[in-house]
Amino acid sequence: HGAFLSFVHPEDRAAVDDAFRKSLSVRETRSVDHRILLPSGRIKYVTETWRTVGGGDGPMRAIGTCQDISERKLSNEMLRESEARLERAQEITGIGSWEIDVQRENLVLSKQMYIIHGLTPRDDEQLSLKDIEPFISVNREKASSWFQRLLAGEKVEPLEASIRRHDGTTRIVNNEARPLFDKTGKVTKLSGTQRDVTDARQADHELRQRQLHLAPAQPVASLGS
């Protein structure tokens, strides 16, 4: 056992040793993921699966397998890093995203979508197709019509609409989306983004108001000169 542990990464040895010792009191198949340190200094990720046998009058032994999962682990880490970069980008730009799996009829919202709507992000929340409409517009009929066109595979124009946040306040958002197709041309997913444009629209309104106030004064100024 000591020789085996010498190959285990120093930071993982305690956990692997603990898992092995606990398996001595049961007759169940156990497994643990850990790193091994190669003589070259390279690190690999493996899954150890074993079962203890024997005991009583004979010696107790552990019989098992060791599977290299380095590529899978690396792929998972790259995926997590990619998701983290996307989350940071959405946080910086204030743009949320969502995706609907049409066949499974489920909806996934990004963290920023929850933030736009004043909600606490919930990674494990299961949402259905119809749950997306109140996220898009308080006008459910307009949102439904927009989605029906997407489900039909149409290219839709951006939808600017009002939403009601969890705290009751109203915001203006810009929604963009497109359908995704399989090889046969069938719509399989809908992918979209949402951006809060309330401040920009308020600034546009204030600019127009200033221009209206200035407009009557301009002819008078010209007459005086």
Protein backbone atom coordinates (compact mmCIF):
# COMPACT_ATOMS: atom_id res chain seq x y z
CA HIS A 1 0.00 0.00 0.00
CA GLY A 2 2.84 2.35 0.82
CA ALA A 3 4.45 1.73 -2.55
CA PHE A 4 1.16 2.46 -4.27
CA LEU A 5 0.70 5.73 -2.36
CA SER A 6 4.18 6.86 -3.43
CA PHE A 7 2.81 7.28 -6.98
CA VAL A 8 -0.14 9.36 -5.80
CA HIS A 9 0.21 13.13 -5.95
CA PRO A 10 1.23 14.42 -2.48
CA GLU A 11 -1.87 16.64 -2.25
CA ASP A 12 -4.16 13.65 -2.93
CA ARG A 13 -2.49 10.98 -0.79
CA ALA A 14 -4.49 11.59 2.38
CA ALA A 15 -7.83 11.35 0.53
CA VAL A 16 -6.81 8.20 -1.38
CA ASP A 17 -5.44 6.54 1.76
CA ASP A 18 -8.62 7.39 3.68
CA ALA A 19 -10.82 5.94 0.91
CA PHE A 20 -8.79 2.74 0.82
CA ARG A 21 -8.80 2.22 4.60
CA LYS A 22 -12.57 2.74 4.78
CA SER A 23 -13.05 0.10 2.08
CA LEU A 24 -11.39 -2.54 4.30
CA SER A 25 -14.47 -2.78 6.51
CA VAL A 26 -16.94 -3.31 3.66
CA ARG A 27 -17.29 -5.62 0.68
CA GLU A 28 -18.30 -3.03 -1.86
CA THR A 29 -16.72 -1.71 -5.04
CA ARG A 30 -15.18 1.68 -4.37
CA SER A 31 -13.63 4.29 -6.64
CA VAL A 32 -11.73 7.54 -6.26
CA ASP A 33 -10.34 10.08 -8.72
CA HIS A 34 -6.88 11.45 -8.04
CA ARG A 35 -3.64 12.60 -9.59
CA ILE A 36 -0.47 10.55 -10.03
CA LEU A 37 3.00 11.99 -10.29
CA LEU A 38 5.14 10.38 -12.99
CA PRO A 39 8.94 10.09 -12.68
CA SER A 40 9.23 12.67 -15.48
CA GLY A 41 7.33 15.17 -13.34
CA ARG A 42 4.18 15.00 -15.46
CA ILE A 43 0.82 14.76 -13.74
CA LYS A 44 -1.98 12.46 -14.85
CA TYR A 45 -5.53 12.10 -13.60
CA VAL A 46 -6.80 8.58 -12.96
CA THR A 47 -9.84 6.77 -11.60
CA GLU A 48 -9.00 3.93 -9.22
CA THR A 49 -11.75 1.30 -8.86
CA TRP A 50 -11.29 -1.62 -6.47
CA ARG A 51 -12.90 -4.16 -4.20
CA THR A 52 -11.40 -5.78 -1.11
CA VAL A 53 -11.47 -9.58 -0.94
CA GLY A 54 -10.21 -12.21 1.46
CA GLY A 55 -9.89 -11.74 5.17
CA GLY A 56 -10.83 -14.27 7.82
CA ASP A 57 -8.09 -16.93 7.82
CA GLY A 58 -6.47 -15.56 4.65
CA PRO A 59 -4.86 -12.23 3.79
CA MET A 60 -7.05 -9.33 2.71
CA ARG A 61 -6.36 -8.05 -0.77
CA ALA A 62 -7.61 -5.27 -3.00
CA ILE A 63 -8.33 -6.07 -6.64
CA GLY A 64 -9.02 -3.23 -9.01
CA THR A 65 -8.30 -1.18 -12.09
CA CYS A 66 -6.72 2.16 -12.85
CA GLN A 67 -8.08 4.24 -15.75
CA ASP A 68 -6.36 7.29 -17.22
CA ILE A 69 -8.91 10.13 -17.34
CA SER A 70 -6.46 12.97 -18.07
CA GLU A 71 -8.05 13.94 -21.39
CA ARG A 72 -11.56 13.97 -19.91
CA LYS A 73 -10.35 15.99 -16.92
CA LEU A 74 -8.58 18.47 -19.19
CA SER A 75 -11.68 18.83 -21.35
CA ASN A 76 -13.83 19.46 -18.26
CA GLU A 77 -11.38 22.07 -16.97
CA MET A 78 -11.29 23.81 -20.36
CA LEU A 79 -15.09 23.82 -20.41
CA ARG A 80 -15.24 25.33 -16.91
CA GLU A 81 -12.70 27.98 -17.89
CA SER A 82 -14.69 28.80 -21.02
CA GLU A 83 -17.91 29.09 -19.01
CA ALA A 84 -16.14 31.31 -16.46
CA ARG A 85 -14.86 33.61 -19.25
CA LEU A 86 -18.35 33.85 -20.74
CA GLU A 87 -19.80 34.66 -17.31
CA ARG A 88 -17.22 37.42 -16.76
CA ALA A 89 -17.88 38.85 -20.23
CA GLN A 90 -21.63 38.91 -19.60
CA GLU A 91 -21.10 40.56 -16.22
CA ILE A 92 -18.90 43.27 -17.77
CA THR A 93 -21.22 43.98 -20.71
CA GLY A 94 -24.47 43.46 -18.80
CA ILE A 95 -25.71 41.02 -21.43
CA GLY A 96 -27.58 37.90 -20.35
CA SER A 97 -28.13 34.80 -22.46
CA TRP A 98 -30.58 31.91 -22.63
CA GLU A 99 -31.00 28.71 -24.59
CA ILE A 100 -34.00 26.49 -25.19
CA ASP A 101 -33.71 22.83 -26.09
CA VAL A 102 -36.83 22.38 -28.21
CA GLN A 103 -36.83 18.59 -28.13
CA ARG A 104 -36.36 18.34 -24.37
CA GLU A 105 -38.54 21.41 -23.81
CA ASN A 106 -36.25 22.88 -21.20
CA LEU A 107 -34.72 26.31 -20.69
CA VAL A 108 -31.30 27.37 -19.41
CA LEU A 109 -30.64 30.93 -18.23
CA SER A 110 -27.24 32.50 -17.69
CA LYS A 111 -26.32 34.09 -14.37
CA GLN A 112 -26.65 37.56 -15.89
CA MET A 113 -30.24 36.86 -16.96
CA TYR A 114 -31.17 36.30 -13.32
CA ILE A 115 -29.33 39.49 -12.32
CA ILE A 116 -31.14 41.57 -14.96
CA HIS A 117 -34.43 40.40 -13.47
CA GLY A 118 -33.36 40.95 -9.87
CA LEU A 119 -33.31 37.23 -9.06
CA THR A 120 -30.75 35.06 -7.28
CA PRO A 121 -28.94 32.83 -9.82
CA ARG A 122 -29.88 29.15 -9.48
CA ASP A 123 -27.76 26.66 -11.42
CA ASP A 124 -29.95 23.69 -10.57
CA GLU A 125 -33.30 25.26 -11.45
CA GLN A 126 -35.34 23.31 -14.01
CA LEU A 127 -37.33 25.59 -16.30
CA SER A 128 -39.79 24.73 -19.06
CA LEU A 129 -40.36 26.35 -22.44
CA LYS A 130 -43.22 28.57 -21.27
CA ASP A 131 -41.11 30.03 -18.44
CA ILE A 132 -39.13 32.15 -20.90
CA GLU A 133 -41.98 34.49 -21.88
CA PRO A 134 -42.12 36.61 -18.69
CA PHE A 135 -38.34 37.00 -18.94
CA ILE A 136 -38.74 38.51 -22.42
CA SER A 137 -41.68 40.90 -21.99
CA VAL A 138 -44.57 41.80 -19.69
CA ASN A 139 -46.64 41.62 -22.86
CA ARG A 140 -47.01 37.83 -22.95
CA GLU A 141 -48.85 37.93 -26.29
CA LYS A 142 -45.99 39.80 -27.96
CA ALA A 143 -43.41 37.45 -26.43
CA SER A 144 -45.41 34.37 -27.47
CA SER A 145 -45.75 35.58 -31.07
CA TRP A 146 -41.99 36.28 -31.23
CA PHE A 147 -41.20 32.77 -29.99
CA GLN A 148 -43.64 31.10 -32.36
CA ARG A 149 -41.79 32.68 -35.26
CA LEU A 150 -38.48 31.42 -33.86
CA LEU A 151 -39.89 27.91 -33.44
CA ALA A 152 -41.01 28.04 -37.06
CA GLY A 153 -37.39 28.70 -38.04
CA GLU A 154 -37.88 32.33 -38.99
CA LYS A 155 -35.25 35.03 -38.71
CA VAL A 156 -36.73 37.54 -36.26
CA GLU A 157 -35.95 41.18 -35.63
CA PRO A 158 -34.74 42.29 -32.16
CA LEU A 159 -37.58 42.72 -29.69
CA GLU A 160 -37.42 45.71 -27.37
CA ALA A 161 -39.84 45.32 -24.51
CA SER A 162 -40.59 46.10 -20.88
CA ILE A 163 -39.98 43.55 -18.13
CA ARG A 164 -41.02 43.59 -14.49
CA ARG A 165 -38.21 42.75 -12.11
CA HIS A 166 -38.67 40.67 -8.98
CA ASP A 167 -38.77 43.86 -6.86
CA GLY A 168 -41.63 45.26 -8.95
CA THR A 169 -39.62 47.84 -10.91
CA THR A 170 -39.95 48.04 -14.68
CA ARG A 171 -36.96 47.96 -17.02
CA ILE A 172 -36.56 48.09 -20.79
CA VAL A 173 -34.61 45.28 -22.44
CA ASN A 174 -33.46 44.44 -25.93
CA ASN A 175 -33.92 40.79 -26.93
CA GLU A 176 -32.16 39.08 -29.82
CA ALA A 177 -32.45 35.41 -30.78
CA ARG A 178 -32.05 32.90 -33.56
CA PRO A 179 -33.09 29.30 -34.18
CA LEU A 180 -30.54 26.50 -34.51
CA PHE A 181 -31.15 23.63 -36.94
CA ASP A 182 -30.09 19.99 -37.29
CA LYS A 183 -28.90 18.46 -40.57
CA THR A 184 -32.48 17.91 -41.73
CA GLY A 185 -33.42 21.55 -41.22
CA LYS A 186 -35.46 20.93 -38.08
CA VAL A 187 -35.29 23.53 -35.31
CA THR A 188 -33.55 21.93 -32.34
CA LYS A 189 -32.63 24.91 -30.19
CA LEU A 190 -33.35 28.59 -29.72
CA SER A 191 -30.48 30.78 -28.55
CA GLY A 192 -30.85 34.35 -27.41
CA THR A 193 -29.42 37.32 -25.53
CA GLN A 194 -30.90 40.12 -23.47
CA ARG A 195 -29.50 43.54 -22.61
CA ASP A 196 -30.93 46.12 -20.22
CA VAL A 197 -31.24 49.35 -22.24
CA THR A 198 -33.26 51.34 -19.69
CA ASP A 199 -30.53 53.89 -18.98
CA ALA A 200 -29.80 54.36 -22.69
CA ARG A 201 -33.48 54.92 -23.49
CA GLN A 202 -33.79 57.36 -20.57
CA ALA A 203 -30.77 59.27 -21.89
CA ASP A 204 -32.33 59.37 -25.39
CA HIS A 205 -35.57 60.72 -23.90
CA GLU A 206 -33.76 63.44 -21.93
CA LEU A 207 -31.79 64.44 -25.05
CA ARG A 208 -34.98 64.77 -27.09
CA GLN A 209 -36.57 66.87 -24.33
CA ARG A 210 -33.58 69.26 -24.31
CA GLN A 211 -33.74 69.55 -28.08
CA LEU A 212 -37.46 70.40 -27.90
CA HIS A 213 -36.77 73.10 -25.32
CA LEU A 214 -33.96 74.55 -27.41
CA ALA A 215 -35.86 74.52 -30.70
CA PRO A 216 -38.19 77.52 -29.95
CA ALA A 217 -35.26 79.59 -28.71
CA GLN A 218 -33.23 79.28 -31.88
CA PRO A 219 -35.46 81.46 -34.15
CA VAL A 220 -35.61 84.14 -31.44
CA ALA A 221 -31.83 84.16 -31.16
CA SER A 222 -31.54 84.53 -34.93
CA LEU A 223 -34.06 87.42 -34.95
CA GLY A 224 -32.18 89.26 -32.26
CA SER A 225 -28.93 89.09 -34.20
